[in-house]
């Protein structure tokens, strides 16, 4: 009985419908771009990943300098950065500046709102000046607030 059971398992295992490497396939031949791999390893796929925005200094994709991120609270301000004007909903993109670069900032309230303040600028705290600067000695986030008339916060 043992021989019959073992023979049955062998026959079932050998008669599966899996295709052999030499058997033609009904699927189209789709090949991933590959690089030459050692003979004992299969070809590896090539993936072109985009460079990371915050790669550490010294890596090939890193830009030297520091990133300035500007937050326009509730999009109630028109922002000018180094002469380039951004009207909501368009806000300044995160930008990398050379170390110790001085970034010129200006903001005006959109219609129906009033001037408020900056935070994160060189003046520190709530900077009530519409014209401000950010010296890029590190990555920085600067926030601008143009509140509803009668309010002091956004």
C-alpha atoms as a PDB file:
ATOM      1  CA  UNK A   1       0.000   0.000   0.000  1.00  0.00           C
ATOM      2  CA  UNK A   2       2.861   2.369   0.720  1.00  0.00           C
ATOM      3  CA  UNK A   3       4.308   1.917  -2.731  1.00  0.00           C
ATOM      4  CA  UNK A   4       0.963   2.620  -4.390  1.00  0.00           C
ATOM      5  CA  UNK A   5       0.365   5.796  -2.372  1.00  0.00           C
ATOM      6  CA  UNK A   6       3.893   7.052  -3.080  1.00  0.00           C
ATOM      7  CA  UNK A   7       3.504   6.278  -6.780  1.00  0.00           C
ATOM      8  CA  UNK A   8       0.198   8.137  -6.891  1.00  0.00           C
ATOM      9  CA  UNK A   9       1.758  11.247  -5.284  1.00  0.00           C
ATOM     10  CA  UNK A  10       4.673  11.124  -7.759  1.00  0.00           C
ATOM     11  CA  UNK A  11       2.341  10.875 -10.749  1.00  0.00           C
ATOM     12  CA  UNK A  12       0.148  13.725  -9.480  1.00  0.00           C
ATOM     13  CA  UNK A  13       3.140  15.961  -8.850  1.00  0.00           C
ATOM     14  CA  UNK A  14       4.608  15.298 -12.284  1.00  0.00           C
ATOM     15  CA  UNK A  15       1.373  15.900 -14.134  1.00  0.00           C
ATOM     16  CA  UNK A  16       0.757  19.455 -12.944  1.00  0.00           C
ATOM     17  CA  UNK A  17      -0.022  22.026 -15.616  1.00  0.00           C
ATOM     18  CA  UNK A  18       2.984  24.233 -14.895  1.00  0.00           C
ATOM     19  CA  UNK A  19       4.971  24.992 -18.005  1.00  0.00           C
ATOM     20  CA  UNK A  20       8.588  24.100 -18.369  1.00  0.00           C
ATOM     21  CA  UNK A  21      11.117  26.817 -19.200  1.00  0.00           C
ATOM     22  CA  UNK A  22      11.267  25.552 -22.811  1.00  0.00           C
ATOM     23  CA  UNK A  23       7.481  25.327 -23.311  1.00  0.00           C
ATOM     24  CA  UNK A  24       5.885  28.123 -25.345  1.00  0.00           C
ATOM     25  CA  UNK A  25       3.818  30.556 -23.308  1.00  0.00           C
ATOM     26  CA  UNK A  26       0.475  32.015 -24.260  1.00  0.00           C
ATOM     27  CA  UNK A  27       1.525  35.335 -22.667  1.00  0.00           C
ATOM     28  CA  UNK A  28       3.340  37.962 -24.744  1.00  0.00           C
ATOM     29  CA  UNK A  29       7.082  38.158 -24.174  1.00  0.00           C
ATOM     30  CA  UNK A  30       7.554  41.187 -21.919  1.00  0.00           C
ATOM     31  CA  UNK A  31      11.091  41.828 -20.800  1.00  0.00           C
ATOM     32  CA  UNK A  32      12.115  44.363 -18.190  1.00  0.00           C
ATOM     33  CA  UNK A  33      15.212  46.412 -18.946  1.00  0.00           C
ATOM     34  CA  UNK A  34      18.033  44.604 -17.202  1.00  0.00           C
ATOM     35  CA  UNK A  35      21.657  45.046 -16.350  1.00  0.00           C
ATOM     36  CA  UNK A  36      24.299  42.390 -16.748  1.00  0.00           C
ATOM     37  CA  UNK A  37      24.292  40.243 -13.623  1.00  0.00           C
ATOM     38  CA  UNK A  38      26.768  37.535 -12.693  1.00  0.00           C
ATOM     39  CA  UNK A  39      26.038  34.174 -14.380  1.00  0.00           C
ATOM     40  CA  UNK A  40      24.782  32.653 -11.150  1.00  0.00           C
ATOM     41  CA  UNK A  41      22.176  35.423 -10.578  1.00  0.00           C
ATOM     42  CA  UNK A  42      19.125  36.401 -12.620  1.00  0.00           C
ATOM     43  CA  UNK A  43      19.071  39.729 -14.431  1.00  0.00           C
ATOM     44  CA  UNK A  44      18.044  42.580 -12.133  1.00  0.00           C
ATOM     45  CA  UNK A  45      15.459  45.146 -13.265  1.00  0.00           C
ATOM     46  CA  UNK A  46      16.514  48.752 -13.766  1.00  0.00           C
ATOM     47  CA  UNK A  47      14.492  51.367 -11.915  1.00  0.00           C
ATOM     48  CA  UNK A  48      15.064  55.045 -12.605  1.00  0.00           C
ATOM     49  CA  UNK A  49      14.056  56.602  -9.292  1.00  0.00           C
ATOM     50  CA  UNK A  50      13.887  60.401  -9.130  1.00  0.00           C
ATOM     51  CA  UNK A  51      16.554  62.037  -6.976  1.00  0.00           C
ATOM     52  CA  UNK A  52      15.464  62.818  -3.443  1.00  0.00           C
ATOM     53  CA  UNK A  53      14.907  66.482  -2.667  1.00  0.00           C
ATOM     54  CA  UNK A  54      16.584  66.291   0.718  1.00  0.00           C
ATOM     55  CA  UNK A  55      19.620  64.143  -0.014  1.00  0.00           C
ATOM     56  CA  UNK A  56      22.364  64.659   2.558  1.00  0.00           C
ATOM     57  CA  UNK A  57      25.180  67.040   1.611  1.00  0.00           C
ATOM     58  CA  UNK A  58      27.979  65.359  -0.284  1.00  0.00           C
ATOM     59  CA  UNK A  59      25.765  62.955  -2.213  1.00  0.00           C
ATOM     60  CA  UNK A  60      25.590  63.314  -6.013  1.00  0.00           C
ATOM     61  CA  UNK A  61      21.963  64.538  -6.074  1.00  0.00           C
ATOM     62  CA  UNK A  62      22.272  66.979  -3.170  1.00  0.00           C
ATOM     63  CA  UNK A  63      22.240  70.705  -3.868  1.00  0.00           C
ATOM     64  CA  UNK A  64      24.518  72.642  -1.548  1.00  0.00           C
ATOM     65  CA  UNK A  65      22.599  74.966   0.715  1.00  0.00           C
ATOM     66  CA  UNK A  66      19.425  75.145   2.738  1.00  0.00           C
ATOM     67  CA  UNK A  67      15.722  74.848   1.914  1.00  0.00           C
ATOM     68  CA  UNK A  68      13.254  77.668   2.538  1.00  0.00           C
ATOM     69  CA  UNK A  69       9.642  76.543   2.981  1.00  0.00           C
ATOM     70  CA  UNK A  70       7.040  79.343   3.045  1.00  0.00           C
ATOM     71  CA  UNK A  71       3.585  78.756   4.531  1.00  0.00           C
ATOM     72  CA  UNK A  72       0.839  81.176   3.468  1.00  0.00           C
ATOM     73  CA  UNK A  73      -1.722  80.697   6.252  1.00  0.00           C
ATOM     74  CA  UNK A  74      -5.102  80.116   4.602  1.00  0.00           C
ATOM     75  CA  UNK A  75      -3.764  81.733   1.373  1.00  0.00           C
ATOM     76  CA  UNK A  76      -4.760  85.216   2.471  1.00  0.00           C
ATOM     77  CA  UNK A  77      -1.488  86.919   1.427  1.00  0.00           C
ATOM     78  CA  UNK A  78       0.204  87.750  -1.860  1.00  0.00           C
ATOM     79  CA  UNK A  79       3.876  86.846  -1.338  1.00  0.00           C
ATOM     80  CA  UNK A  80       6.948  88.204  -3.104  1.00  0.00           C
ATOM     81  CA  UNK A  81      10.228  86.285  -2.759  1.00  0.00           C
ATOM     82  CA  UNK A  82      13.354  87.949  -4.166  1.00  0.00           C
ATOM     83  CA  UNK A  83      11.136  89.907  -6.578  1.00  0.00           C
ATOM     84  CA  UNK A  84       9.005  86.953  -7.761  1.00  0.00           C
ATOM     85  CA  UNK A  85       5.314  87.458  -6.937  1.00  0.00           C
ATOM     86  CA  UNK A  86       3.020  84.561  -5.903  1.00  0.00           C
ATOM     87  CA  UNK A  87      -0.726  85.195  -5.804  1.00  0.00           C
ATOM     88  CA  UNK A  88      -2.945  82.579  -4.124  1.00  0.00           C
ATOM     89  CA  UNK A  89      -3.548  79.797  -4.770  1.00  0.00           C
ATOM     90  CA  UNK A  90       0.011  79.812  -6.189  1.00  0.00           C
ATOM     91  CA  UNK A  91       2.509  79.832  -3.356  1.00  0.00           C
ATOM     92  CA  UNK A  92       6.301  79.895  -3.461  1.00  0.00           C
ATOM     93  CA  UNK A  93       7.818  76.449  -3.975  1.00  0.00           C
ATOM     94  CA  UNK A  94      10.362  75.080  -1.517  1.00  0.00           C
ATOM     95  CA  UNK A  95      13.671  76.481  -2.755  1.00  0.00           C
ATOM     96  CA  UNK A  96      17.288  75.648  -1.933  1.00  0.00           C
ATOM     97  CA  UNK A  97      19.497  78.690  -1.311  1.00  0.00           C
ATOM     98  CA  UNK A  98      23.249  78.926  -0.886  1.00  0.00           C
ATOM     99  CA  UNK A  99      24.482  79.000   2.708  1.00  0.00           C
ATOM    100  CA  UNK A 100      24.066  82.481   4.248  1.00  0.00           C
ATOM    101  CA  UNK A 101      21.991  83.766   1.313  1.00  0.00           C
ATOM    102  CA  UNK A 102      19.620  86.540   2.381  1.00  0.00           C
ATOM    103  CA  UNK A 103      16.134  85.979   0.947  1.00  0.00           C
ATOM    104  CA  UNK A 104      14.010  89.127   0.528  1.00  0.00           C
ATOM    105  CA  UNK A 105      10.354  88.642   1.498  1.00  0.00           C
ATOM    106  CA  UNK A 106       7.326  90.887   1.090  1.00  0.00           C
ATOM    107  CA  UNK A 107       3.623  90.201   1.634  1.00  0.00           C
ATOM    108  CA  UNK A 108       0.377  92.056   0.968  1.00  0.00           C
ATOM    109  CA  UNK A 109      -3.092  90.932   2.040  1.00  0.00           C
ATOM    110  CA  UNK A 110      -5.518  89.808  -0.646  1.00  0.00           C
ATOM    111  CA  UNK A 111      -8.682  91.900  -1.007  1.00  0.00           C
ATOM    112  CA  UNK A 112     -10.856  91.729   2.110  1.00  0.00           C
ATOM    113  CA  UNK A 113      -8.007  90.907   4.505  1.00  0.00           C
ATOM    114  CA  UNK A 114      -5.427  92.956   6.436  1.00  0.00           C
ATOM    115  CA  UNK A 115      -1.684  92.720   6.936  1.00  0.00           C
ATOM    116  CA  UNK A 116      -0.717  90.528   9.896  1.00  0.00           C
ATOM    117  CA  UNK A 117       2.813  89.228  10.434  1.00  0.00           C
ATOM    118  CA  UNK A 118       5.627  86.857   9.498  1.00  0.00           C
ATOM    119  CA  UNK A 119       7.117  84.175  11.743  1.00  0.00           C
ATOM    120  CA  UNK A 120      10.467  82.492  11.177  1.00  0.00           C
ATOM    121  CA  UNK A 121      12.165  85.569   9.671  1.00  0.00           C
ATOM    122  CA  UNK A 122      15.431  87.146  10.810  1.00  0.00           C
ATOM    123  CA  UNK A 123      13.490  89.529  13.093  1.00  0.00           C
ATOM    124  CA  UNK A 124      12.235  86.605  15.185  1.00  0.00           C
ATOM    125  CA  UNK A 125       8.861  86.194  16.878  1.00  0.00           C
ATOM    126  CA  UNK A 126       5.892  87.818  15.142  1.00  0.00           C
ATOM    127  CA  UNK A 127       7.555  90.141  12.627  1.00  0.00           C
ATOM    128  CA  UNK A 128       5.029  92.909  11.884  1.00  0.00           C
ATOM    129  CA  UNK A 129       7.015  94.310   8.937  1.00  0.00           C
ATOM    130  CA  UNK A 130       5.607  93.548   5.502  1.00  0.00           C
ATOM    131  CA  UNK A 131       9.193  93.503   4.224  1.00  0.00           C
ATOM    132  CA  UNK A 132      11.322  90.838   5.889  1.00  0.00           C
ATOM    133  CA  UNK A 133      14.417  88.714   5.334  1.00  0.00           C
ATOM    134  CA  UNK A 134      15.415  85.123   5.968  1.00  0.00           C
ATOM    135  CA  UNK A 135      19.150  84.397   6.153  1.00  0.00           C
ATOM    136  CA  UNK A 136      19.709  80.800   5.102  1.00  0.00           C
ATOM    137  CA  UNK A 137      21.977  79.393   7.799  1.00  0.00           C
ATOM    138  CA  UNK A 138      19.798  76.260   8.126  1.00  0.00           C
ATOM    139  CA  UNK A 139      16.622  74.809   6.596  1.00  0.00           C
ATOM    140  CA  UNK A 140      13.807  77.220   7.493  1.00  0.00           C
ATOM    141  CA  UNK A 141      10.040  77.456   7.509  1.00  0.00           C
ATOM    142  CA  UNK A 142       8.620  80.978   7.324  1.00  0.00           C
ATOM    143  CA  UNK A 143       4.906  81.576   7.855  1.00  0.00           C
ATOM    144  CA  UNK A 144       2.932  84.635   6.746  1.00  0.00           C
ATOM    145  CA  UNK A 145      -0.473  85.648   8.114  1.00  0.00           C
ATOM    146  CA  UNK A 146      -2.970  88.128   6.660  1.00  0.00           C
ATOM    147  CA  UNK A 147      -6.042  87.814   8.895  1.00  0.00           C
ATOM    148  CA  UNK A 148      -9.659  88.912   8.608  1.00  0.00           C
ATOM    149  CA  UNK A 149     -10.080  92.564   9.688  1.00  0.00           C
ATOM    150  CA  UNK A 150     -10.400  92.750  13.469  1.00  0.00           C
ATOM    151  CA  UNK A 151      -8.427  89.514  14.056  1.00  0.00           C
ATOM    152  CA  UNK A 152      -4.792  89.288  15.067  1.00  0.00           C
ATOM    153  CA  UNK A 153      -4.255  85.623  14.089  1.00  0.00           C
ATOM    154  CA  UNK A 154      -4.939  83.440  11.106  1.00  0.00           C
END
